[in-house]
Amino acid sequence: MSFLYRLGFYLMGFAIGLIFLAMILKGKKTSCNYGPNDRVISNLSKKSWKPQPLLNKTFDSIAFQAFLKKASVDFGKSNAQKDSCNTYFINGYWSDTAISLEVENCEKTIEVLELIYRSE
C-alpha cells in the first residue's frame, strides 16, 4: 500500500474520531486548563468562599466568581509551596477599580486575607 493511501486512511479515521468527540463533548461544561493561572482560578472557583468583613457587602460569592473569571494570579507574590493552605495574590478589576486579593486556598474553602486597591 502506498504512502498516500495510508495517509488518506489515517486522515479519514482522524476526521471520524473528531466528529465523534465533538458530538460527545457538545453541550458539556468541559475545559482544558493547562496553564498554571487557569488551574489555580479553576480550583478557586470550585470551592466555597467565606465572606469577610473587610470586603464590602456587594462583594459576595457571586461577585467573587465574576471577579475570578477575568482575574490573573501573581505567582511572584504567591506562596504555593505550603503544606496546608497555599496563599495566592489575585489581580483583577471590580467595578472598574483595579484590586488585588490575597487569598488563602485551603482544601475545601477559600479565605480572603487582604484586599488591596491598586492604582494603574
Protein backbone atom coordinates (compact mmCIF):
# COMPACT_ATOMS: atom_id res chain seq x y z
CA MET A 1 0.00 0.00 0.00
CA SER A 2 1.48 3.34 -0.96
CA PHE A 3 2.09 6.21 1.42
CA LEU A 4 -0.78 8.31 0.00
CA TYR A 5 -3.33 5.53 0.65
CA ARG A 6 -2.12 5.10 4.23
CA LEU A 7 -2.21 8.87 4.77
CA GLY A 8 -5.76 9.02 3.36
CA PHE A 9 -6.98 6.22 5.64
CA TYR A 10 -5.33 7.88 8.64
CA LEU A 11 -6.89 11.28 7.89
CA MET A 12 -10.31 9.71 7.31
CA GLY A 13 -10.17 7.90 10.66
CA PHE A 14 -8.89 11.02 12.39
CA ALA A 15 -11.78 13.08 10.96
CA ILE A 16 -14.35 10.49 12.08
CA GLY A 17 -12.80 10.50 15.56
CA LEU A 18 -13.02 14.28 15.74
CA ILE A 19 -16.68 14.17 14.75
CA PHE A 20 -17.45 11.61 17.48
CA LEU A 21 -15.51 13.63 20.02
CA ALA A 22 -17.39 16.82 19.09
CA MET A 23 -20.72 15.00 19.44
CA ILE A 24 -19.81 13.58 22.85
CA LEU A 25 -18.48 16.85 24.31
CA LYS A 26 -21.16 19.08 22.76
CA GLY A 27 -23.06 20.97 25.44
CA LYS A 28 -20.94 19.77 28.34
CA LYS A 29 -19.02 22.14 30.54
CA THR A 30 -15.60 20.77 29.76
CA SER A 31 -12.45 22.82 29.94
CA CYS A 32 -8.78 22.23 29.38
CA ASN A 33 -6.87 24.16 32.00
CA TYR A 34 -3.25 23.54 31.11
CA GLY A 35 -1.69 26.81 32.27
CA PRO A 36 -0.89 27.38 35.94
CA ASN A 37 -3.03 30.53 36.08
CA ASP A 38 -6.05 28.68 34.67
CA ARG A 39 -5.61 25.75 37.04
CA VAL A 40 -5.50 27.99 40.12
CA ILE A 41 -8.51 30.06 39.01
CA SER A 42 -10.47 26.87 38.22
CA ASN A 43 -9.57 25.40 41.62
CA LEU A 44 -10.64 28.58 43.42
CA SER A 45 -13.93 28.81 41.55
CA LYS A 46 -14.97 25.29 42.62
CA LYS A 47 -14.57 25.89 46.37
CA SER A 48 -16.83 27.59 48.87
CA TRP A 49 -15.89 31.13 49.74
CA LYS A 50 -16.02 32.61 53.24
CA PRO A 51 -17.25 36.20 53.12
CA GLN A 52 -15.02 38.54 55.10
CA PRO A 53 -15.92 41.73 56.98
CA LEU A 54 -13.06 43.59 55.25
CA LEU A 55 -14.90 43.30 51.94
CA ASN A 56 -17.91 45.43 51.25
CA LYS A 57 -21.31 43.78 51.20
CA THR A 58 -21.63 43.93 47.41
CA PHE A 59 -18.67 41.57 47.01
CA ASP A 60 -20.49 38.29 47.72
CA SER A 61 -19.80 34.79 46.38
CA ILE A 62 -21.43 35.52 43.00
CA ALA A 63 -19.37 38.67 42.61
CA PHE A 64 -16.28 36.70 43.63
CA GLN A 65 -16.94 34.19 40.84
CA ALA A 66 -17.35 37.03 38.32
CA PHE A 67 -14.10 38.59 39.57
CA LEU A 68 -12.25 35.27 39.15
CA LYS A 69 -13.30 34.86 35.51
CA LYS A 70 -11.18 37.85 34.46
CA ALA A 71 -8.50 37.72 37.16
CA SER A 72 -4.89 36.63 36.97
CA VAL A 73 -2.63 35.13 39.61
CA ASP A 74 0.63 36.87 40.55
CA PHE A 75 2.89 33.89 41.24
CA GLY A 76 5.81 36.13 42.20
CA LYS A 77 3.99 37.23 45.36
CA SER A 78 2.14 33.95 45.95
CA ASN A 79 3.27 31.17 48.24
CA ALA A 80 2.16 27.89 46.67
CA GLN A 81 4.72 25.69 48.43
CA LYS A 82 2.93 25.38 51.79
CA ASP A 83 1.76 22.03 53.09
CA SER A 84 -1.67 23.08 54.31
CA CYS A 85 -3.13 26.22 52.71
CA ASN A 86 -1.49 27.97 49.78
CA THR A 87 -1.60 31.76 49.54
CA TYR A 88 -2.23 33.45 46.20
CA PHE A 89 -2.30 37.09 45.09
CA ILE A 90 -5.04 37.60 42.52
CA ASN A 91 -5.10 40.76 40.38
CA GLY A 92 -8.24 41.90 38.61
CA TYR A 93 -10.95 44.52 38.29
CA TRP A 94 -14.07 45.02 40.34
CA SER A 95 -16.48 47.75 39.20
CA ASP A 96 -13.75 49.38 37.06
CA THR A 97 -11.42 49.51 40.06
CA ALA A 98 -8.12 47.63 40.00
CA ILE A 99 -7.87 45.43 43.07
CA SER A 100 -5.66 42.66 44.37
CA LEU A 101 -6.82 39.97 46.74
CA GLU A 102 -4.60 37.89 48.96
CA VAL A 103 -6.42 34.57 49.15
CA GLU A 104 -5.71 31.53 51.30
CA ASN A 105 -6.65 28.41 49.36
CA CYS A 106 -7.34 25.55 51.76
CA GLU A 107 -8.61 22.07 50.99
CA LYS A 108 -12.34 22.91 50.97
CA THR A 109 -12.62 26.67 51.48
CA ILE A 110 -11.17 29.97 50.34
CA GLU A 111 -10.49 32.80 52.77
CA VAL A 112 -9.69 36.36 51.70
CA LEU A 113 -6.86 37.67 53.84
CA GLU A 114 -6.34 41.13 52.37
CA LEU A 115 -7.94 43.49 49.85
CA ILE A 116 -5.61 45.97 48.16
CA TYR A 117 -6.79 48.79 45.91
CA ARG A 118 -4.26 49.33 43.11
CA SER A 119 -3.75 52.46 41.04
CA GLU A 120 -2.96 51.85 37.41
